[in-house]
Each structure stands twice: as C-alpha cells, then as structure tokens.
Amino acid sequence: METAGIGWIAAIIIGGVAGWLAEMFMKSNMGMIMNILLGMIGAVVANALLSFFGVILTGWVGYLLAGVIGACILIAIARMFRGNRAV
C-alpha cells in the first residue's frame, strides 16, 4: 500500500482522520478501525484515480485530501450495493 512518503504511523493517523472526515461528510456511522481502513484504502484509490487524470497529491496534506475523497467514494460504492441506508 502506497503511503505517499509519510510513514506507516502517520498513514494510520492521517487515514483515521480522513475516514472520520468522510464519515461526517457522508453522514455514515462507523467505528475507528473502519475509519482508519477507509482513509488509508481511500487514499490509495483516490491517488490512483487522480493520477489517471494527471493530478498528483504529495505529503501529508495530499494524503489527507486523497483519503477523504477516496473514503467518500468507498462509502458511496458500499451504499450502492447495500441500499440507501447508512453503511
């Protein structure tokens, strides 16, 4: 998993914050572990999608932004498969 050159501990912390922000934005209800996973996996997903369009995010701010975007995308995809209720 790509950590955007910030280290694993920072990736976990930033992933948790990104997942929590996405949770608040998308009005879903998840726990801390799921927030961390969504933030970290979301950052990888968003970086892949953004790099396809020529946008490269670096550093912890870029990782946070990509994590929030990616986690929102993952929450939206989960809602499509599970219906309109909270994930």
Protein backbone atom coordinates (compact mmCIF):
# COMPACT_ATOMS: atom_id res chain seq x y z
CA MET A 1 0.00 0.00 0.00
CA GLU A 2 1.37 3.39 -1.00
CA THR A 3 1.83 5.77 1.93
CA ALA A 4 2.80 8.85 -0.10
CA GLY A 5 6.21 9.03 1.59
CA ILE A 6 4.83 9.81 5.05
CA GLY A 7 5.48 6.59 7.00
CA TRP A 8 3.11 3.95 8.32
CA ILE A 9 2.34 5.53 11.71
CA ALA A 10 1.48 8.85 10.07
CA ALA A 11 -0.53 6.99 7.41
CA ILE A 12 -2.61 5.32 10.13
CA ILE A 13 -3.22 8.61 11.94
CA ILE A 14 -3.99 10.56 8.77
CA GLY A 15 -6.10 7.67 7.47
CA GLY A 16 -8.15 7.75 10.65
CA VAL A 17 -8.71 11.49 10.36
CA ALA A 18 -9.57 11.16 6.66
CA GLY A 19 -12.01 8.33 7.36
CA TRP A 20 -13.61 10.30 10.20
CA LEU A 21 -14.00 13.40 7.98
CA ALA A 22 -15.54 11.25 5.23
CA GLU A 23 -17.85 9.67 7.81
CA MET A 24 -19.03 13.12 8.92
CA PHE A 25 -19.42 14.36 5.33
CA MET A 26 -21.30 11.27 4.15
CA LYS A 27 -23.33 11.02 7.38
CA SER A 28 -22.47 7.38 7.95
CA ASN A 29 -21.83 5.61 11.24
CA MET A 30 -18.65 3.54 11.50
CA GLY A 31 -16.05 2.78 14.11
CA MET A 32 -12.47 3.94 14.49
CA ILE A 33 -10.91 0.88 12.82
CA MET A 34 -13.20 1.20 9.79
CA ASN A 35 -12.38 4.92 9.58
CA ILE A 36 -8.66 4.16 9.50
CA LEU A 37 -9.12 1.47 6.86
CA LEU A 38 -11.39 3.65 4.72
CA GLY A 39 -8.99 6.58 4.96
CA MET A 40 -5.91 4.54 4.05
CA ILE A 41 -7.53 2.48 1.29
CA GLY A 42 -9.40 5.56 0.10
CA ALA A 43 -6.12 7.46 -0.24
CA VAL A 44 -4.72 4.71 -2.46
CA VAL A 45 -7.91 4.59 -4.56
CA ALA A 46 -8.13 8.38 -4.91
CA ASN A 47 -4.42 8.72 -5.75
CA ALA A 48 -4.84 6.11 -8.49
CA LEU A 49 -7.91 7.86 -9.90
CA LEU A 50 -6.37 11.32 -9.67
CA SER A 51 -3.08 10.21 -11.24
CA PHE A 52 -5.10 8.86 -14.17
CA PHE A 53 -6.18 12.47 -14.76
CA GLY A 54 -2.68 13.83 -14.21
CA VAL A 55 -3.21 15.12 -10.65
CA ILE A 56 -0.53 14.09 -8.15
CA LEU A 57 -1.01 14.75 -4.43
CA THR A 58 2.02 14.52 -2.14
CA GLY A 59 2.81 14.96 1.53
CA TRP A 60 0.50 14.58 4.47
CA VAL A 61 -1.99 17.21 3.25
CA GLY A 62 -2.26 15.47 -0.11
CA TYR A 63 -2.64 12.11 1.63
CA LEU A 64 -5.38 13.54 3.86
CA LEU A 65 -7.24 15.07 0.91
CA ALA A 66 -6.93 11.89 -1.14
CA GLY A 67 -8.03 9.83 1.87
CA VAL A 68 -11.19 11.89 2.36
CA ILE A 69 -12.04 11.77 -1.35
CA GLY A 70 -11.34 8.06 -1.60
CA ALA A 71 -13.20 7.18 1.61
CA CYS A 72 -16.25 9.11 0.36
CA ILE A 73 -16.07 7.16 -2.90
CA LEU A 74 -15.84 3.86 -1.00
CA ILE A 75 -18.79 4.79 1.25
CA ALA A 76 -20.85 5.72 -1.81
CA ILE A 77 -20.00 2.43 -3.53
CA ALA A 78 -20.91 0.46 -0.39
CA ARG A 79 -24.24 2.30 -0.24
CA MET A 80 -24.97 1.38 -3.86
CA PHE A 81 -24.58 -2.29 -3.03
CA ARG A 82 -26.31 -2.19 0.35
CA GLY A 83 -29.08 0.27 -0.46
CA ASN A 84 -29.52 3.86 0.71
CA ARG A 85 -29.15 3.14 4.43
CA ALA A 86 -26.03 4.08 6.42
CA VAL A 87 -23.04 1.81 5.91
